[in-house]
Amino acid sequence: GGGGRYDEMIGKFTGNDVCACGFSIGFERIVMLLLEREFQVPTAA
């Protein structure tokens, strides 16, 4: 996963810069690691 600040991207659409920051997790890699651990989904039902 990773991310960061990108304060100039939205301005390319609007002409005015907007402060922006984001973080993305590697969903597929997280799921892969859980599968390799033989993770069991907790269920109350």
ModelCIF file with pLDDT and N, C-alpha, C, O atoms, coordinates in Angstrom:
data_MODEL
#
_entry.id   MODEL 
#
_entity.id                         1 
_entity.type                       polymer 
_entity.pdbx_number_of_molecules   1 
#
_entity_poly.entity_id                      1 
_entity_poly.type                           'polypeptide(L)' 
_entity_poly.nstd_linkage                   no 
_entity_poly.nstd_monomer                   no 
_entity_poly.pdbx_seq_one_letter_code       GGGGRYDEMIGKFTGNDVCACGFSIGFERIVMLLLEREFQVPTAA 
_entity_poly.pdbx_seq_one_letter_code_can   GGGGRYDEMIGKFTGNDVCACGFSIGFERIVMLLLEREFQVPTAA 
_entity_poly.pdbx_strand_id                 A 
#
loop_
_entity_poly_seq.entity_id 
_entity_poly_seq.num 
_entity_poly_seq.mon_id 
_entity_poly_seq.hetero 
1 1  GLY n 
1 2  GLY n 
1 3  GLY n 
1 4  GLY n 
1 5  ARG n 
1 6  TYR n 
1 7  ASP n 
1 8  GLU n 
1 9  MET n 
1 10 ILE n 
1 11 GLY n 
1 12 LYS n 
1 13 PHE n 
1 14 THR n 
1 15 GLY n 
1 16 ASN n 
1 17 ASP n 
1 18 VAL n 
1 19 CYS n 
1 20 ALA n 
1 21 CYS n 
1 22 GLY n 
1 23 PHE n 
1 24 SER n 
1 25 ILE n 
1 26 GLY n 
1 27 PHE n 
1 28 GLU n 
1 29 ARG n 
1 30 ILE n 
1 31 VAL n 
1 32 MET n 
1 33 LEU n 
1 34 LEU n 
1 35 LEU n 
1 36 GLU n 
1 37 ARG n 
1 38 GLU n 
1 39 PHE n 
1 40 GLN n 
1 41 VAL n 
1 42 PRO n 
1 43 THR n 
1 44 ALA n 
1 45 ALA n 
#
_struct_asym.id          A 
_struct_asym.entity_id   1 
#
loop_
_ma_qa_metric.id 
_ma_qa_metric.mode 
_ma_qa_metric.name 
_ma_qa_metric.software_group_id 
_ma_qa_metric.type 
1 global pLDDT . pLDDT 
2 local  pLDDT . pLDDT 
#
_ma_qa_metric_global.metric_id      1 
_ma_qa_metric_global.metric_value   89.82 
_ma_qa_metric_global.model_id       1 
_ma_qa_metric_global.ordinal_id     1 
#
loop_
_ma_qa_metric_local.label_asym_id 
_ma_qa_metric_local.label_comp_id 
_ma_qa_metric_local.label_seq_id 
_ma_qa_metric_local.metric_id 
_ma_qa_metric_local.metric_value 
_ma_qa_metric_local.model_id 
_ma_qa_metric_local.ordinal_id 
A GLY 1  2 92.00 1 1  
A GLY 2  2 93.00 1 2  
A GLY 3  2 94.00 1 3  
A GLY 4  2 95.00 1 4  
A ARG 5  2 95.00 1 5  
A TYR 6  2 93.00 1 6  
A ASP 7  2 93.00 1 7  
A GLU 8  2 90.00 1 8  
A MET 9  2 90.00 1 9  
A ILE 10 2 91.00 1 10 
A GLY 11 2 90.00 1 11 
A LYS 12 2 88.00 1 12 
A PHE 13 2 89.00 1 13 
A THR 14 2 87.00 1 14 
A GLY 15 2 87.00 1 15 
A ASN 16 2 87.00 1 16 
A ASP 17 2 89.00 1 17 
A VAL 18 2 93.00 1 18 
A CYS 19 2 94.00 1 19 
A ALA 20 2 95.00 1 20 
A CYS 21 2 96.00 1 21 
A GLY 22 2 96.00 1 22 
A PHE 23 2 96.00 1 23 
A SER 24 2 94.00 1 24 
A ILE 25 2 93.00 1 25 
A GLY 26 2 89.00 1 26 
A PHE 27 2 93.00 1 27 
A GLU 28 2 91.00 1 28 
A ARG 29 2 90.00 1 29 
A ILE 30 2 93.00 1 30 
A VAL 31 2 94.00 1 31 
A MET 32 2 91.00 1 32 
A LEU 33 2 92.00 1 33 
A LEU 34 2 94.00 1 34 
A LEU 35 2 93.00 1 35 
A GLU 36 2 91.00 1 36 
A ARG 37 2 91.00 1 37 
A GLU 38 2 89.00 1 38 
A PHE 39 2 90.00 1 39 
A GLN 40 2 86.00 1 40 
A VAL 41 2 86.00 1 41 
A PRO 42 2 84.00 1 42 
A THR 43 2 72.00 1 43 
A ALA 44 2 61.00 1 44 
A ALA 45 2 72.00 1 45 
#
loop_
_atom_site.group_PDB 
_atom_site.id 
_atom_site.type_symbol 
_atom_site.label_atom_id 
_atom_site.label_alt_id 
_atom_site.label_comp_id 
_atom_site.label_asym_id 
_atom_site.label_entity_id 
_atom_site.label_seq_id 
_atom_site.pdbx_PDB_ins_code 
_atom_site.Cartn_x 
_atom_site.Cartn_y 
_atom_site.Cartn_z 
_atom_site.occupancy 
_atom_site.B_iso_or_equiv 
_atom_site.pdbx_formal_charge 
_atom_site.auth_seq_id 
_atom_site.auth_comp_id 
_atom_site.auth_asym_id 
_atom_site.auth_atom_id 
_atom_site.pdbx_PDB_model_num 
ATOM 1   N N  . GLY A 1 1  ? 0.837   -1.196  0.000   1.00 92.00 ? 1  GLY A N  1 
ATOM 2   C CA . GLY A 1 1  ? 0.000   0.000   0.000   1.00 92.00 ? 1  GLY A CA 1 
ATOM 3   C C  . GLY A 1 1  ? 0.868   1.241   0.000   1.00 92.00 ? 1  GLY A C  1 
ATOM 4   O O  . GLY A 1 1  ? 2.050   1.185   0.338   1.00 92.00 ? 1  GLY A O  1 
ATOM 5   N N  . GLY A 1 2  ? 0.276   2.355   -0.380  1.00 93.00 ? 2  GLY A N  1 
ATOM 6   C CA . GLY A 1 2  ? 1.029   3.598   -0.380  1.00 93.00 ? 2  GLY A CA 1 
ATOM 7   C C  . GLY A 1 2  ? 0.158   4.772   -0.772  1.00 93.00 ? 2  GLY A C  1 
ATOM 8   O O  . GLY A 1 2  ? -1.017  4.618   -1.104  1.00 93.00 ? 2  GLY A O  1 
ATOM 9   N N  . GLY A 1 3  ? 0.757   5.940   -0.726  1.00 94.00 ? 3  GLY A N  1 
ATOM 10  C CA . GLY A 1 3  ? 0.016   7.140   -1.101  1.00 94.00 ? 3  GLY A CA 1 
ATOM 11  C C  . GLY A 1 3  ? 0.833   8.385   -0.856  1.00 94.00 ? 3  GLY A C  1 
ATOM 12  O O  . GLY A 1 3  ? 2.054   8.335   -0.708  1.00 94.00 ? 3  GLY A O  1 
ATOM 13  N N  . GLY A 1 4  ? 0.132   9.506   -0.814  1.00 95.00 ? 4  GLY A N  1 
ATOM 14  C CA . GLY A 1 4  ? 0.820   10.759  -0.577  1.00 95.00 ? 4  GLY A CA 1 
ATOM 15  C C  . GLY A 1 4  ? -0.032  11.952  -0.949  1.00 95.00 ? 4  GLY A C  1 
ATOM 16  O O  . GLY A 1 4  ? -1.216  11.824  -1.259  1.00 95.00 ? 4  GLY A O  1 
ATOM 17  N N  . ARG A 1 5  ? 0.597   13.120  -0.912  1.00 95.00 ? 5  ARG A N  1 
ATOM 18  C CA . ARG A 1 5  ? -0.092  14.387  -1.191  1.00 95.00 ? 5  ARG A CA 1 
ATOM 19  C C  . ARG A 1 5  ? 0.073   14.752  -2.665  1.00 95.00 ? 5  ARG A C  1 
ATOM 20  O O  . ARG A 1 5  ? 1.164   14.664  -3.229  1.00 95.00 ? 5  ARG A O  1 
ATOM 21  N N  . TYR A 1 6  ? -1.045  15.167  -3.274  1.00 93.00 ? 6  TYR A N  1 
ATOM 22  C CA . TYR A 1 6  ? -1.036  15.549  -4.698  1.00 93.00 ? 6  TYR A CA 1 
ATOM 23  C C  . TYR A 1 6  ? -1.846  16.838  -4.864  1.00 93.00 ? 6  TYR A C  1 
ATOM 24  O O  . TYR A 1 6  ? -2.975  16.813  -5.353  1.00 93.00 ? 6  TYR A O  1 
ATOM 25  N N  . ASP A 1 7  ? -1.262  17.955  -4.455  1.00 93.00 ? 7  ASP A N  1 
ATOM 26  C CA . ASP A 1 7  ? -1.980  19.228  -4.376  1.00 93.00 ? 7  ASP A CA 1 
ATOM 27  C C  . ASP A 1 7  ? -2.234  19.902  -5.722  1.00 93.00 ? 7  ASP A C  1 
ATOM 28  O O  . ASP A 1 7  ? -2.962  20.894  -5.778  1.00 93.00 ? 7  ASP A O  1 
ATOM 29  N N  . GLU A 1 8  ? -1.656  19.391  -6.800  1.00 90.00 ? 8  GLU A N  1 
ATOM 30  C CA . GLU A 1 8  ? -1.773  20.092  -8.081  1.00 90.00 ? 8  GLU A CA 1 
ATOM 31  C C  . GLU A 1 8  ? -2.641  19.365  -9.104  1.00 90.00 ? 8  GLU A C  1 
ATOM 32  O O  . GLU A 1 8  ? -2.913  19.915  -10.171 1.00 90.00 ? 8  GLU A O  1 
ATOM 33  N N  . MET A 1 9  ? -3.083  18.142  -8.805  1.00 90.00 ? 9  MET A N  1 
ATOM 34  C CA . MET A 1 9  ? -3.798  17.370  -9.823  1.00 90.00 ? 9  MET A CA 1 
ATOM 35  C C  . MET A 1 9  ? -5.184  17.927  -10.121 1.00 90.00 ? 9  MET A C  1 
ATOM 36  O O  . MET A 1 9  ? -5.548  18.069  -11.288 1.00 90.00 ? 9  MET A O  1 
ATOM 37  N N  . ILE A 1 10 ? -5.963  18.246  -9.089  1.00 91.00 ? 10 ILE A N  1 
ATOM 38  C CA . ILE A 1 10 ? -7.333  18.707  -9.318  1.00 91.00 ? 10 ILE A CA 1 
ATOM 39  C C  . ILE A 1 10 ? -7.332  20.026  -10.081 1.00 91.00 ? 10 ILE A C  1 
ATOM 40  O O  . ILE A 1 10 ? -8.242  20.300  -10.864 1.00 91.00 ? 10 ILE A O  1 
ATOM 41  N N  . GLY A 1 11 ? -6.299  20.844  -9.846  1.00 90.00 ? 11 GLY A N  1 
ATOM 42  C CA . GLY A 1 11 ? -6.197  22.115  -10.557 1.00 90.00 ? 11 GLY A CA 1 
ATOM 43  C C  . GLY A 1 11 ? -6.094  21.952  -12.055 1.00 90.00 ? 11 GLY A C  1 
ATOM 44  O O  . GLY A 1 11 ? -6.433  22.874  -12.796 1.00 90.00 ? 11 GLY A O  1 
ATOM 45  N N  . LYS A 1 12 ? -5.635  20.799  -12.523 1.00 88.00 ? 12 LYS A N  1 
ATOM 46  C CA . LYS A 1 12 ? -5.553  20.554  -13.965 1.00 88.00 ? 12 LYS A CA 1 
ATOM 47  C C  . LYS A 1 12 ? -6.947  20.416  -14.576 1.00 88.00 ? 12 LYS A C  1 
ATOM 48  O O  . LYS A 1 12 ? -7.119  20.582  -15.783 1.00 88.00 ? 12 LYS A O  1 
ATOM 49  N N  . PHE A 1 13 ? -7.945  20.111  -13.734 1.00 89.00 ? 13 PHE A N  1 
ATOM 50  C CA . PHE A 1 13 ? -9.325  20.025  -14.201 1.00 89.00 ? 13 PHE A CA 1 
ATOM 51  C C  . PHE A 1 13 ? -10.071 21.350  -14.017 1.00 89.00 ? 13 PHE A C  1 
ATOM 52  O O  . PHE A 1 13 ? -10.917 21.710  -14.836 1.00 89.00 ? 13 PHE A O  1 
ATOM 53  N N  . THR A 1 14 ? -9.752  22.074  -12.937 1.00 87.00 ? 14 THR A N  1 
ATOM 54  C CA . THR A 1 14 ? -10.534 23.260  -12.568 1.00 87.00 ? 14 THR A CA 1 
ATOM 55  C C  . THR A 1 14 ? -9.826  24.587  -12.827 1.00 87.00 ? 14 THR A C  1 
ATOM 56  O O  . THR A 1 14 ? -10.472 25.630  -12.934 1.00 87.00 ? 14 THR A O  1 
ATOM 57  N N  . GLY A 1 15 ? -8.505  24.548  -12.928 1.00 87.00 ? 15 GLY A N  1 
ATOM 58  C CA . GLY A 1 15 ? -7.746  25.792  -13.038 1.00 87.00 ? 15 GLY A CA 1 
ATOM 59  C C  . GLY A 1 15 ? -7.328  26.337  -11.697 1.00 87.00 ? 15 GLY A C  1 
ATOM 60  O O  . GLY A 1 15 ? -6.528  27.271  -11.627 1.00 87.00 ? 15 GLY A O  1 
ATOM 61  N N  . ASN A 1 16 ? -7.863  25.762  -10.619 1.00 87.00 ? 16 ASN A N  1 
ATOM 62  C CA . ASN A 1 16 ? -7.508  26.186  -9.261  1.00 87.00 ? 16 ASN A CA 1 
ATOM 63  C C  . ASN A 1 16 ? -7.045  24.976  -8.464  1.00 87.00 ? 16 ASN A C  1 
ATOM 64  O O  . ASN A 1 16 ? -7.772  23.990  -8.346  1.00 87.00 ? 16 ASN A O  1 
ATOM 65  N N  . ASP A 1 17 ? -5.829  25.050  -7.916  1.00 89.00 ? 17 ASP A N  1 
ATOM 66  C CA . ASP A 1 17 ? -5.304  23.920  -7.151  1.00 89.00 ? 17 ASP A CA 1 
ATOM 67  C C  . ASP A 1 17 ? -6.125  23.672  -5.892  1.00 89.00 ? 17 ASP A C  1 
ATOM 68  O O  . ASP A 1 17 ? -6.584  24.610  -5.241  1.00 89.00 ? 17 ASP A O  1 
ATOM 69  N N  . VAL A 1 18 ? -6.302  22.392  -5.559  1.00 93.00 ? 18 VAL A N  1 
ATOM 70  C CA . VAL A 1 18 ? -7.014  21.969  -4.353  1.00 93.00 ? 18 VAL A CA 1 
ATOM 71  C C  . VAL A 1 18 ? -6.097  21.026  -3.579  1.00 93.00 ? 18 VAL A C  1 
ATOM 72  O O  . VAL A 1 18 ? -5.547  20.085  -4.153  1.00 93.00 ? 18 VAL A O  1 
ATOM 73  N N  . CYS A 1 19 ? -5.930  21.269  -2.289  1.00 94.00 ? 19 CYS A N  1 
ATOM 74  C CA . CYS A 1 19 ? -5.104  20.385  -1.460  1.00 94.00 ? 19 CYS A CA 1 
ATOM 75  C C  . CYS A 1 19 ? -5.717  18.991  -1.454  1.00 94.00 ? 19 CYS A C  1 
ATOM 76  O O  . CYS A 1 19 ? -6.923  18.838  -1.263  1.00 94.00 ? 19 CYS A O  1 
ATOM 77  N N  . ALA A 1 20 ? -4.891  17.986  -1.663  1.00 95.00 ? 20 ALA A N  1 
ATOM 78  C CA . ALA A 1 20 ? -5.404  16.615  -1.723  1.00 95.00 ? 20 ALA A CA 1 
ATOM 79  C C  . ALA A 1 20 ? -4.334  15.637  -1.250  1.00 95.00 ? 20 ALA A C  1 
ATOM 80  O O  . ALA A 1 20 ? -3.146  15.810  -1.522  1.00 95.00 ? 20 ALA A O  1 
ATOM 81  N N  . CYS A 1 21 ? -4.785  14.601  -0.533  1.00 96.00 ? 21 CYS A N  1 
ATOM 82  C CA . CYS A 1 21 ? -3.870  13.595  -0.009  1.00 96.00 ? 21 CYS A CA 1 
ATOM 83  C C  . CYS A 1 21 ? -4.622  12.271  0.060   1.00 96.00 ? 21 CYS A C  1 
ATOM 84  O O  . CYS A 1 21 ? -5.794  12.240  0.435   1.00 96.00 ? 21 CYS A O  1 
ATOM 85  N N  . GLY A 1 22 ? -3.951  11.176  -0.299  1.00 96.00 ? 22 GLY A N  1 
ATOM 86  C CA . GLY A 1 22 ? -4.638  9.885   -0.315  1.00 96.00 ? 22 GLY A CA 1 
ATOM 87  C C  . GLY A 1 22 ? -3.749  8.733   0.094   1.00 96.00 ? 22 GLY A C  1 
ATOM 88  O O  . GLY A 1 22 ? -2.522  8.829   0.070   1.00 96.00 ? 22 GLY A O  1 
ATOM 89  N N  . PHE A 1 23 ? -4.403  7.623   0.476   1.00 96.00 ? 23 PHE A N  1 
ATOM 90  C CA . PHE A 1 23 ? -3.690  6.408   0.873   1.00 96.00 ? 23 PHE A CA 1 
ATOM 91  C C  . PHE A 1 23 ? -4.444  5.224   0.285   1.00 96.00 ? 23 PHE A C  1 
ATOM 92  O O  . PHE A 1 23 ? -5.657  5.106   0.461   1.00 96.00 ? 23 PHE A O  1 
ATOM 93  N N  . SER A 1 24 ? -3.729  4.347   -0.413  1.00 94.00 ? 24 SER A N  1 
ATOM 94  C CA . SER A 1 24 ? -4.325  3.167   -1.039  1.00 94.00 ? 24 SER A CA 1 
ATOM 95  C C  . SER A 1 24 ? -3.705  1.912   -0.445  1.00 94.00 ? 24 SER A C  1 
ATOM 96  O O  . SER A 1 24 ? -2.482  1.805   -0.360  1.00 94.00 ? 24 SER A O  1 
ATOM 97  N N  . ILE A 1 25 ? -4.544  0.953   -0.030  1.00 93.00 ? 25 ILE A N  1 
ATOM 98  C CA . ILE A 1 25 ? -4.001  -0.329  0.430   1.00 93.00 ? 25 ILE A CA 1 
ATOM 99  C C  . ILE A 1 25 ? -4.018  -1.317  -0.737  1.00 93.00 ? 25 ILE A C  1 
ATOM 100 O O  . ILE A 1 25 ? -4.891  -1.254  -1.604  1.00 93.00 ? 25 ILE A O  1 
ATOM 101 N N  . GLY A 1 26 ? -3.048  -2.225  -0.748  1.00 89.00 ? 26 GLY A N  1 
ATOM 102 C CA . GLY A 1 26 ? -3.002  -3.263  -1.771  1.00 89.00 ? 26 GLY A CA 1 
ATOM 103 C C  . GLY A 1 26 ? -3.996  -4.359  -1.436  1.00 89.00 ? 26 GLY A C  1 
ATOM 104 O O  . GLY A 1 26 ? -3.637  -5.371  -0.834  1.00 89.00 ? 26 GLY A O  1 
ATOM 105 N N  . PHE A 1 27 ? -5.243  -4.156  -1.826  1.00 93.00 ? 27 PHE A N  1 
ATOM 106 C CA . PHE A 1 27 ? -6.330  -5.063  -1.460  1.00 93.00 ? 27 PHE A CA 1 
ATOM 107 C C  . PHE A 1 27 ? -6.004  -6.505  -1.859  1.00 93.00 ? 27 PHE A C  1 
ATOM 108 O O  . PHE A 1 27 ? -6.158  -7.423  -1.053  1.00 93.00 ? 27 PHE A O  1 
ATOM 109 N N  . GLU A 1 28 ? -5.554  -6.704  -3.101  1.00 91.00 ? 28 GLU A N  1 
ATOM 110 C CA . GLU A 1 28 ? -5.291  -8.063  -3.587  1.00 91.00 ? 28 GLU A CA 1 
ATOM 111 C C  . GLU A 1 28 ? -4.177  -8.717  -2.782  1.00 91.00 ? 28 GLU A C  1 
ATOM 112 O O  . GLU A 1 28 ? -4.252  -9.910  -2.487  1.00 91.00 ? 28 GLU A O  1 
ATOM 113 N N  . ARG A 1 29 ? -3.149  -7.962  -2.422  1.00 90.00 ? 29 ARG A N  1 
ATOM 114 C CA . ARG A 1 29 ? -2.036  -8.525  -1.668  1.00 90.00 ? 29 ARG A CA 1 
ATOM 115 C C  . ARG A 1 29 ? -2.449  -8.848  -0.240  1.00 90.00 ? 29 ARG A C  1 
ATOM 116 O O  . ARG A 1 29 ? -1.999  -9.845  0.326   1.00 90.00 ? 29 ARG A O  1 
ATOM 117 N N  . ILE A 1 30 ? -3.298  -8.018  0.345   1.00 93.00 ? 30 ILE A N  1 
ATOM 118 C CA . ILE A 1 30 ? -3.810  -8.290  1.686   1.00 93.00 ? 30 ILE A CA 1 
ATOM 119 C C  . ILE A 1 30 ? -4.614  -9.587  1.686   1.00 93.00 ? 30 ILE A C  1 
ATOM 120 O O  . ILE A 1 30 ? -4.444  -10.434 2.563   1.00 93.00 ? 30 ILE A O  1 
ATOM 121 N N  . VAL A 1 31 ? -5.489  -9.734  0.695   1.00 94.00 ? 31 VAL A N  1 
ATOM 122 C CA . VAL A 1 31 ? -6.305  -10.953 0.588   1.00 94.00 ? 31 VAL A CA 1 
ATOM 123 C C  . VAL A 1 31 ? -5.409  -12.169 0.365   1.00 94.00 ? 31 VAL A C  1 
ATOM 124 O O  . VAL A 1 31 ? -5.637  -13.224 0.957   1.00 94.00 ? 31 VAL A O  1 
ATOM 125 N N  . MET A 1 32 ? -4.395  -12.026 -0.483  1.00 91.00 ? 32 MET A N  1 
ATOM 126 C CA . MET A 1 32 ? -3.466  -13.130 -0.755  1.00 91.00 ? 32 MET A CA 1 
ATOM 127 C C  . MET A 1 32 ? -2.762  -13.578 0.523   1.00 91.00 ? 32 MET A C  1 
ATOM 128 O O  . MET A 1 32 ? -2.630  -14.776 0.771   1.00 91.00 ? 32 MET A O  1 
ATOM 129 N N  . LEU A 1 33 ? -2.311  -12.622 1.332   1.00 92.00 ? 33 LEU A N  1 
ATOM 130 C CA . LEU A 1 33 ? -1.628  -12.964 2.579   1.00 92.00 ? 33 LEU A CA 1 
ATOM 131 C C  . LEU A 1 33 ? -2.574  -13.664 3.549   1.00 92.00 ? 33 LEU A C  1 
ATOM 132 O O  . LEU A 1 33 ? -2.170  -14.599 4.241   1.00 92.00 ? 33 LEU A O  1 
ATOM 133 N N  . LEU A 1 34 ? -3.824  -13.222 3.605   1.00 94.00 ? 34 LEU A N  1 
ATOM 134 C CA . LEU A 1 34 ? -4.803  -13.865 4.485   1.00 94.00 ? 34 LEU A CA 1 
ATOM 135 C C  . LEU A 1 34 ? -5.079  -15.296 4.022   1.00 94.00 ? 34 LEU A C  1 
ATOM 136 O O  . LEU A 1 34 ? -5.228  -16.196 4.849   1.00 94.00 ? 34 LEU A O  1 
ATOM 137 N N  . LEU A 1 35 ? -5.148  -15.508 2.710   1.00 93.00 ? 35 LEU A N  1 
ATOM 138 C CA . LEU A 1 35 ? -5.344  -16.856 2.179   1.00 93.00 ? 35 LEU A CA 1 
ATOM 139 C C  . LEU A 1 35 ? -4.160  -17.755 2.533   1.00 93.00 ? 35 LEU A C  1 
ATOM 140 O O  . LEU A 1 35 ? -4.341  -18.913 2.910   1.00 93.00 ? 35 LEU A O  1 
ATOM 141 N N  . GLU A 1 36 ? -2.952  -17.216 2.409   1.00 91.00 ? 36 GLU A N  1 
ATOM 142 C CA . GLU A 1 36 ? -1.759  -18.002 2.722   1.00 91.00 ? 36 GLU A CA 1 
ATOM 143 C C  . GLU A 1 36 ? -1.687  -18.342 4.203   1.00 91.00 ? 36 GLU A C  1 
ATOM 144 O O  . GLU A 1 36 ? -1.113  -19.362 4.583   1.00 91.00 ? 36 GLU A O  1 
ATOM 145 N N  . ARG A 1 37 ? -2.268  -17.491 5.037   1.00 91.00 ? 37 ARG A N  1 
ATOM 146 C CA . ARG A 1 37 ? -2.315  -17.764 6.478   1.00 91.00 ? 37 ARG A CA 1 
ATOM 147 C C  . ARG A 1 37 ? -3.405  -18.763 6.841   1.00 91.00 ? 37 ARG A C  1 
ATOM 148 O O  . ARG A 1 37 ? -3.490  -19.210 7.984   1.00 91.00 ? 37 ARG A O  1 
ATOM 149 N N  . GLU A 1 38 ? -4.241  -19.111 5.863   1.00 89.00 ? 38 GLU A N  1 
ATOM 150 C CA . GLU A 1 38 ? -5.439  -19.935 6.096   1.00 89.00 ? 38 GLU A CA 1 
ATOM 151 C C  . GLU A 1 38 ? -6.373  -19.235 7.081   1.00 89.00 ? 38 GLU A C  1 
ATOM 152 O O  . GLU A 1 38 ? -6.929  -19.840 7.998   1.00 89.00 ? 38 GLU A O  1 
ATOM 153 N N  . PHE A 1 39 ? -6.515  -17.936 6.847   1.00 90.00 ? 39 PHE A N  1 
ATOM 154 C CA . PHE A 1 39 ? -7.370  -17.086 7.688   1.00 90.00 ? 39 PHE A CA 1 
ATOM 155 C C  . PHE A 1 39 ? -8.822  -17.570 7.648   1.00 90.00 ? 39 PHE A C  1 
ATOM 156 O O  . PHE A 1 39 ? -9.360  -17.874 6.583   1.00 90.00 ? 39 PHE A O  1 
ATOM 157 N N  . GLN A 1 40 ? -9.442  -17.634 8.823   1.00 86.00 ? 40 GLN A N  1 
ATOM 158 C CA . GLN A 1 40 ? -10.846 -18.020 8.920   1.00 86.00 ? 40 GLN A CA 1 
ATOM 159 C C  . GLN A 1 40 ? -11.684 -16.788 9.240   1.00 86.00 ? 40 GLN A C  1 
ATOM 160 O O  . GLN A 1 40 ? -11.436 -16.088 10.222  1.00 86.00 ? 40 GLN A O  1 
ATOM 161 N N  . VAL A 1 41 ? -12.663 -16.539 8.408   1.00 86.00 ? 41 VAL A N  1 
ATOM 162 C CA . VAL A 1 41 ? -13.523 -15.370 8.618   1.00 86.00 ? 41 VAL A CA 1 
ATOM 163 C C  . VAL A 1 41 ? -14.369 -15.575 9.862   1.00 86.00 ? 41 VAL A C  1 
ATOM 164 O O  . VAL A 1 41 ? -15.111 -16.554 9.952   1.00 86.00 ? 41 VAL A O  1 
ATOM 165 N N  . PRO A 1 42 ? -14.266 -14.659 10.830  1.00 84.00 ? 42 PRO A N  1 
ATOM 166 C CA . PRO A 1 42 ? -15.110 -14.795 12.026  1.00 84.00 ? 42 PRO A CA 1 
ATOM 167 C C  . PRO A 1 42 ? -16.564 -14.525 11.669  1.00 84.00 ? 42 PRO A C  1 
ATOM 168 O O  . PRO A 1 42 ? -16.868 -13.576 10.947  1.00 84.00 ? 42 PRO A O  1 
ATOM 169 N N  . THR A 1 43 ? -17.452 -15.357 12.173  1.00 72.00 ? 43 THR A N  1 
ATOM 170 C CA . THR A 1 43 ? -18.870 -15.155 11.892  1.00 72.00 ? 43 THR A CA 1 
ATOM 171 C C  . THR A 1 43 ? -19.675 -15.369 13.164  1.00 72.00 ? 43 THR A C  1 
ATOM 172 O O  . THR A 1 43 ? -19.460 -16.334 13.898  1.00 72.00 ? 43 THR A O  1 
ATOM 173 N N  . ALA A 1 44 ? -20.591 -14.466 13.409  1.00 61.00 ? 44 ALA A N  1 
ATOM 174 C CA . ALA A 1 44 ? -21.442 -14.573 14.603  1.00 61.00 ? 44 ALA A CA 1 
ATOM 175 C C  . ALA A 1 44 ? -22.619 -15.505 14.343  1.00 61.00 ? 44 ALA A C  1 
ATOM 176 O O  . ALA A 1 44 ? -23.205 -16.050 15.279  1.00 61.00 ? 44 ALA A O  1 
ATOM 177 N N  . ALA A 1 45 ? -22.963 -15.686 13.070  1.00 72.00 ? 45 ALA A N  1 
ATOM 178 C CA . ALA A 1 45 ? -24.133 -16.492 12.735  1.00 72.00 ? 45 ALA A CA 1 
ATOM 179 C C  . ALA A 1 45 ? -23.811 -17.987 12.793  1.00 72.00 ? 45 ALA A C  1 
ATOM 180 O O  . ALA A 1 45 ? -24.684 -18.817 12.538  1.00 72.00 ? 45 ALA A O  1 
#
